[in-house]
Amino acid sequence: MFPDDLYQPGRKIAGYSAILLPLTKTAAPDWAGFEAHVARTFDAGLAPAINMDTGYANLIDSATKTEALERTREIADGREYVSGAYVGDQPHSSFDEAAYRTEMELIQSFGSTPVIFQSYGLTTGSDADIVQRYQQLSQYCEKFVAFELGTMFAPFGKIYSLDVYKELIQIPQCLGAKHSSLSRELEWERLRLRNQTREEFRVFTGNDLAIDMVMYGSDYLLGLSTFAPDLFAKRDKFWETSNPQFFELNDTLQYLGHLAFRVPVPAYKHNAAQFLKLRGWIETDETYPGSPTRPESDLFILQEILDRLERWM
């Protein structure tokens, strides 16, 4: 079905931006670069998302996650930010409620809202099983963000049925859900269901290949926005004020998205480091050990995109 019924010009967009964890030449966290990037994301008017896939949540240790939360809390000074609650497991693992509770309570102790990453244990079983697990987790927090993740991003990901999604919408503590299927039609279905069920529930697009989903009522929680939180915020303002520059700026940012989110998709984090280094915002373009890399030839294309974006900076 065409999405004409969803089109919402002039809407104020809520933007959440996954923060890249930059690295030094020795592959240690570049905390100065991290803090500066968190600050510029806040200053742009976006809510930082800490310890997400963009921050190597599946690779970093607990001490690094905790330090990222500590440093972000100081910069936030009461402003909203969200953080990934990641529980690593293996295929056929059982649901580890205790591990999720530990992650969620840690995140909340720093004044942040948990984004509940999927795991094999969370997403196996029937629809009723999955819903019950989210209901169990909801008792450990005032609010949380759910997360559907396609397997192109992570092997433990799962895109839920609409029946599961409808039940998630009706959990009072669930303020929204990030949808990362890279499918417009699946996201449109969720937007229609949201509009019929609970209007304040936020559908956070995670479709880095269709960032114009904000035109149809989606908000966003994106890895792509870490490349340019300033320009995403400007694009959002153009939409809110019905400024036609929205379309050209969105097109150029989408060009960046199509380059960065090609196969293998997780290598977008290396492109992010390359782009942020080109902008002079971080010192190296190192990516975390174990994360896939991009060729050095990408730098030429990234610079060309940066040159196109210069007019809006």
Protein backbone atom coordinates (compact mmCIF):
# COMPACT_ATOMS: atom_id res chain seq x y z
CA MET A 1 0.00 0.00 0.00
CA PHE A 2 1.33 3.46 -0.91
CA PRO A 3 2.16 5.55 2.19
CA ASP A 4 0.18 8.68 1.26
CA ASP A 5 -1.85 8.29 4.46
CA LEU A 6 1.35 8.51 6.53
CA TYR A 7 2.98 11.57 4.95
CA GLN A 8 3.51 14.25 7.64
CA PRO A 9 5.06 17.52 6.39
CA GLY A 10 5.98 20.04 9.07
CA ARG A 11 6.40 17.41 11.80
CA LYS A 12 9.03 17.86 14.52
CA ILE A 13 11.38 14.88 14.30
CA ALA A 14 12.98 13.22 17.32
CA GLY A 15 16.55 12.26 16.43
CA TYR A 16 18.65 9.75 18.37
CA SER A 17 22.20 9.28 17.13
CA ALA A 18 24.34 6.21 17.85
CA ILE A 19 27.76 7.37 19.00
CA LEU A 20 30.89 5.91 17.40
CA LEU A 21 33.58 4.90 19.87
CA PRO A 22 36.74 6.35 18.29
CA LEU A 23 40.07 4.66 18.83
CA THR A 24 43.70 5.61 19.23
CA LYS A 25 46.47 4.15 17.06
CA THR A 26 46.89 1.41 19.68
CA ALA A 27 43.17 0.47 19.43
CA ALA A 28 42.41 1.92 22.89
CA PRO A 29 39.30 4.10 23.27
CA ASP A 30 39.95 7.71 22.31
CA TRP A 31 38.03 9.20 25.20
CA ALA A 32 38.73 12.82 24.24
CA GLY A 33 37.33 12.16 20.77
CA PHE A 34 34.37 10.31 22.27
CA GLU A 35 33.51 13.12 24.68
CA ALA A 36 33.77 15.74 21.94
CA HIS A 37 31.46 13.73 19.71
CA VAL A 38 28.90 13.21 22.48
CA ALA A 39 28.97 16.95 23.21
CA ARG A 40 28.50 17.96 19.57
CA THR A 41 25.60 15.50 19.25
CA PHE A 42 23.88 17.04 22.27
CA ASP A 43 24.64 20.54 20.98
CA ALA A 44 23.06 19.68 17.63
CA GLY A 45 19.82 18.83 19.46
CA LEU A 46 20.02 15.06 19.01
CA ALA A 47 19.95 12.50 21.81
CA PRO A 48 23.14 10.40 21.90
CA ALA A 49 22.77 6.62 21.92
CA ILE A 50 25.71 5.10 23.80
CA ASN A 51 27.08 1.56 23.61
CA MET A 52 25.06 0.68 20.54
CA ASP A 53 26.32 -1.36 17.58
CA THR A 54 28.06 1.84 16.41
CA GLY A 55 29.89 1.86 19.73
CA TYR A 56 30.94 -1.80 19.31
CA ALA A 57 28.55 -3.01 22.03
CA ASN A 58 29.14 -6.64 21.03
CA LEU A 59 32.93 -6.28 21.24
CA ILE A 60 33.85 -3.98 24.13
CA ASP A 61 34.11 -5.12 27.75
CA SER A 62 31.99 -4.06 30.73
CA ALA A 63 34.59 -1.60 32.01
CA THR A 64 34.59 0.27 28.68
CA LYS A 65 30.78 0.38 28.60
CA THR A 66 30.67 1.73 32.13
CA GLU A 67 33.27 4.40 31.38
CA ALA A 68 31.30 5.48 28.31
CA LEU A 69 28.22 5.87 30.52
CA GLU A 70 30.15 7.81 33.18
CA ARG A 71 31.61 10.24 30.67
CA THR A 72 28.28 10.73 28.89
CA ARG A 73 26.43 11.43 32.15
CA GLU A 74 28.82 14.27 32.93
CA ILE A 75 28.30 15.83 29.50
CA ALA A 76 24.54 15.24 29.50
CA ASP A 77 23.94 17.34 32.62
CA GLY A 78 20.37 16.06 32.80
CA ARG A 79 19.69 15.90 29.07
CA GLU A 80 18.18 12.75 27.56
CA TYR A 81 20.34 9.96 26.22
CA VAL A 82 19.85 6.23 25.66
CA SER A 83 22.21 3.28 25.96
CA GLY A 84 22.36 -0.24 24.62
CA ALA A 85 21.59 -3.15 26.96
CA TYR A 86 23.51 -5.92 25.23
CA VAL A 87 23.59 -9.54 26.40
CA GLY A 88 25.87 -11.81 24.41
CA ASP A 89 24.86 -15.45 24.03
CA GLN A 90 24.98 -18.35 21.59
CA PRO A 91 22.43 -20.10 19.34
CA HIS A 92 20.04 -22.22 21.40
CA SER A 93 20.83 -20.25 24.59
CA SER A 94 17.98 -19.77 27.03
CA PHE A 95 16.68 -16.30 27.88
CA ASP A 96 19.04 -14.69 30.40
CA GLU A 97 16.70 -12.40 32.30
CA ALA A 98 19.23 -11.79 35.07
CA ALA A 99 21.89 -10.54 32.64
CA TYR A 100 19.41 -8.15 31.01
CA ARG A 101 18.33 -6.87 34.42
CA THR A 102 21.96 -6.17 35.35
CA GLU A 103 22.52 -4.25 32.11
CA MET A 104 19.29 -2.27 32.46
CA GLU A 105 19.94 -1.32 36.07
CA LEU A 106 23.48 -0.20 35.25
CA ILE A 107 22.22 2.01 32.44
CA GLN A 108 19.52 3.56 34.60
CA SER A 109 22.01 4.24 37.40
CA PHE A 110 23.66 6.73 35.03
CA GLY A 111 20.37 8.46 34.19
CA SER A 112 20.01 6.82 30.79
CA THR A 113 17.24 4.80 29.14
CA PRO A 114 17.96 1.20 28.10
CA VAL A 115 17.70 0.12 24.48
CA ILE A 116 17.16 -3.62 24.73
CA PHE A 117 19.34 -5.40 22.21
CA GLN A 118 18.12 -8.69 20.92
CA SER A 119 19.87 -11.98 21.73
CA TYR A 120 19.32 -15.58 20.73
CA GLY A 121 17.65 -16.24 24.06
CA LEU A 122 15.31 -13.26 23.78
CA THR A 123 14.07 -13.96 20.26
CA THR A 124 13.65 -17.77 20.19
CA GLY A 125 10.34 -19.52 20.77
CA SER A 126 6.77 -18.50 20.00
CA ASP A 127 5.41 -14.98 19.66
CA ALA A 128 3.85 -15.37 23.10
CA ASP A 129 7.23 -16.34 24.56
CA ILE A 130 8.89 -13.23 23.12
CA VAL A 131 6.18 -10.89 24.36
CA GLN A 132 6.31 -12.40 27.84
CA ARG A 133 10.07 -11.80 28.02
CA TYR A 134 9.65 -8.12 27.22
CA GLN A 135 6.90 -7.90 29.82
CA GLN A 136 9.27 -9.47 32.36
CA LEU A 137 12.00 -6.96 31.51
CA SER A 138 9.61 -4.01 31.74
CA GLN A 139 9.33 -4.49 35.50
CA TYR A 140 12.99 -3.44 35.87
CA CYS A 141 12.68 0.04 34.41
CA GLU A 142 10.54 3.14 34.13
CA LYS A 143 10.98 3.19 30.35
CA PHE A 144 12.88 1.37 27.62
CA VAL A 145 13.29 1.19 23.85
CA ALA A 146 12.75 -2.14 22.08
CA PHE A 147 14.83 -3.13 19.07
CA GLU A 148 14.18 -5.23 15.96
CA LEU A 149 17.38 -6.06 14.12
CA GLY A 150 17.76 -7.75 10.74
CA THR A 151 20.35 -10.50 10.40
CA MET A 152 22.36 -8.35 7.96
CA PHE A 153 23.38 -6.38 11.05
CA ALA A 154 23.81 -9.25 13.53
CA PRO A 155 23.17 -13.03 13.40
CA PHE A 156 21.04 -12.96 16.59
CA GLY A 157 18.65 -10.37 15.14
CA LYS A 158 15.00 -11.02 14.33
CA ILE A 159 12.21 -9.01 12.72
CA TYR A 160 9.03 -9.65 14.69
CA SER A 161 5.55 -10.39 13.46
CA LEU A 162 3.01 -7.59 13.61
CA ASP A 163 1.28 -9.50 16.42
CA VAL A 164 4.42 -9.22 18.56
CA TYR A 165 4.86 -5.58 17.59
CA LYS A 166 1.28 -4.77 18.62
CA GLU A 167 1.93 -6.26 22.05
CA LEU A 168 5.17 -4.28 22.42
CA ILE A 169 3.29 -1.06 21.66
CA GLN A 170 0.94 -1.79 24.55
CA ILE A 171 3.66 -2.24 27.19
CA PRO A 172 3.43 1.08 29.10
CA GLN A 173 7.17 1.28 29.81
CA CYS A 174 8.06 0.75 26.14
CA LEU A 175 8.38 4.28 24.76
CA GLY A 176 9.25 3.09 21.26
CA ALA A 177 11.06 0.53 19.14
CA LYS A 178 13.95 0.78 16.70
CA HIS A 179 13.16 -1.01 13.43
CA SER A 180 16.18 -2.18 11.43
CA SER A 181 14.87 -4.43 8.67
CA LEU A 182 15.96 -2.05 5.86
CA SER A 183 12.41 -2.52 4.48
CA ARG A 184 10.17 0.49 3.90
CA GLU A 185 7.02 -1.63 3.69
CA LEU A 186 7.60 -3.35 7.02
CA GLU A 187 8.19 0.00 8.66
CA TRP A 188 5.08 1.52 7.07
CA GLU A 189 3.08 -1.38 8.51
CA ARG A 190 4.41 -0.56 11.97
CA LEU A 191 3.62 3.12 11.58
CA ARG A 192 0.01 2.36 10.64
CA LEU A 193 -0.31 0.00 13.58
CA ARG A 194 1.17 2.61 15.90
CA ASN A 195 -1.23 5.26 14.63
CA GLN A 196 -4.17 2.96 15.32
CA THR A 197 -2.97 1.74 18.71
CA ARG A 198 -0.87 4.25 20.65
CA GLU A 199 0.02 7.51 18.95
CA GLU A 200 2.74 8.56 21.41
CA PHE A 201 4.71 5.36 20.75
CA ARG A 202 7.80 6.14 18.68
CA VAL A 203 8.81 4.09 15.67
CA PHE A 204 12.55 4.74 15.43
CA THR A 205 13.73 4.02 11.92
CA GLY A 206 16.99 2.15 11.74
CA ASN A 207 16.88 2.12 7.95
CA ASP A 208 20.13 3.77 6.94
CA LEU A 209 19.18 3.12 3.30
CA ALA A 210 15.92 5.11 3.58
CA ILE A 211 16.51 7.97 6.00
CA ASP A 212 13.53 9.83 4.51
CA MET A 213 11.25 7.52 6.52
CA VAL A 214 10.94 10.53 8.83
CA MET A 215 8.56 12.00 6.24
CA TYR A 216 6.03 9.29 7.13
CA GLY A 217 6.03 9.58 10.90
CA SER A 218 9.15 7.68 11.92
CA ASP A 219 11.65 9.19 14.29
CA TYR A 220 15.17 7.78 14.08
CA LEU A 221 17.91 5.96 15.94
CA LEU A 222 20.64 5.69 13.33
CA GLY A 223 24.27 4.83 12.99
CA LEU A 224 24.52 7.02 9.89
CA SER A 225 23.77 10.18 11.87
CA THR A 226 27.03 9.74 13.80
CA PHE A 227 28.81 10.83 10.59
CA ALA A 228 27.12 14.25 10.74
CA PRO A 229 24.84 14.97 13.72
CA ASP A 230 24.97 18.66 12.84
CA LEU A 231 23.63 18.06 9.33
CA PHE A 232 20.97 15.58 10.43
CA ALA A 233 19.72 18.19 12.89
CA LYS A 234 19.68 20.81 10.12
CA ARG A 235 17.82 18.43 7.81
CA ASP A 236 15.24 17.79 10.57
CA LYS A 237 14.74 21.52 11.04
CA PHE A 238 14.22 21.96 7.29
CA TRP A 239 11.41 19.38 7.45
CA GLU A 240 9.79 20.99 10.47
CA THR A 241 9.82 24.42 8.82
CA SER A 242 8.76 23.15 5.37
CA ASN A 243 12.05 24.30 3.86
CA PRO A 244 12.57 22.57 0.48
CA GLN A 245 16.31 22.29 1.21
CA PHE A 246 15.30 19.21 3.21
CA PHE A 247 15.21 17.12 0.05
CA GLU A 248 18.62 18.00 -1.36
CA LEU A 249 20.37 17.67 2.01
CA ASN A 250 18.56 14.38 2.67
CA ASP A 251 19.62 13.09 -0.77
CA THR A 252 23.27 13.85 -0.08
CA LEU A 253 23.17 12.24 3.36
CA GLN A 254 21.47 9.24 1.76
CA TYR A 255 24.32 8.98 -0.75
CA LEU A 256 26.60 8.68 2.27
CA GLY A 257 24.33 6.00 3.71
CA HIS A 258 24.32 3.89 0.57
CA LEU A 259 28.10 3.92 0.47
CA ALA A 260 28.63 3.18 4.15
CA PHE A 261 25.93 0.53 4.60
CA ARG A 262 26.86 -1.74 1.72
CA VAL A 263 27.85 -5.36 2.37
CA PRO A 264 29.35 -6.19 4.79
CA VAL A 265 27.03 -3.84 6.65
CA PRO A 266 28.93 -3.77 10.00
CA ALA A 267 31.90 -2.19 8.19
CA TYR A 268 29.97 1.10 8.21
CA LYS A 269 31.72 1.81 11.51
CA HIS A 270 35.05 1.97 9.72
CA ASN A 271 33.53 4.41 7.19
CA ALA A 272 32.26 6.46 10.12
CA ALA A 273 35.78 6.68 11.56
CA GLN A 274 37.17 7.59 8.14
CA PHE A 275 34.56 10.33 7.67
CA LEU A 276 34.95 11.79 11.15
CA LYS A 277 38.72 11.91 10.68
CA LEU A 278 38.24 13.71 7.36
CA ARG A 279 36.12 16.25 9.23
CA GLY A 280 38.94 16.73 11.72
CA TRP A 281 36.80 15.48 14.59
CA ILE A 282 38.84 12.42 15.62
CA GLU A 283 42.53 11.59 15.39
CA THR A 284 42.50 8.19 13.66
CA ASP A 285 40.24 6.16 11.41
CA GLU A 286 40.97 2.91 13.24
CA THR A 287 38.09 0.48 13.71
CA TYR A 288 37.74 -1.93 16.61
CA PRO A 289 39.68 -5.21 16.32
CA GLY A 290 37.32 -7.89 15.04
CA SER A 291 35.08 -5.43 13.22
CA PRO A 292 35.17 -5.54 9.38
CA THR A 293 37.06 -2.83 7.51
CA ARG A 294 36.67 -0.77 4.34
CA PRO A 295 39.34 -0.16 1.67
CA GLU A 296 41.40 3.02 1.74
CA SER A 297 39.90 3.87 -1.66
CA ASP A 298 36.66 4.77 0.16
CA LEU A 299 38.39 7.92 1.38
CA PHE A 300 38.17 9.51 -2.06
CA ILE A 301 34.40 9.01 -2.23
CA LEU A 302 33.88 10.10 1.37
CA GLN A 303 35.81 13.30 0.68
CA GLU A 304 33.67 13.95 -2.40
CA ILE A 305 30.52 13.57 -0.30
CA LEU A 306 31.97 15.83 2.36
CA ASP A 307 32.64 18.46 -0.30
CA ARG A 308 29.00 18.25 -1.43
CA LEU A 309 27.82 18.72 2.17
CA GLU A 310 30.04 21.75 2.74
CA ARG A 311 27.33 24.21 1.68
CA TRP A 312 25.19 23.29 4.70
CA MET A 313 27.99 23.40 7.27
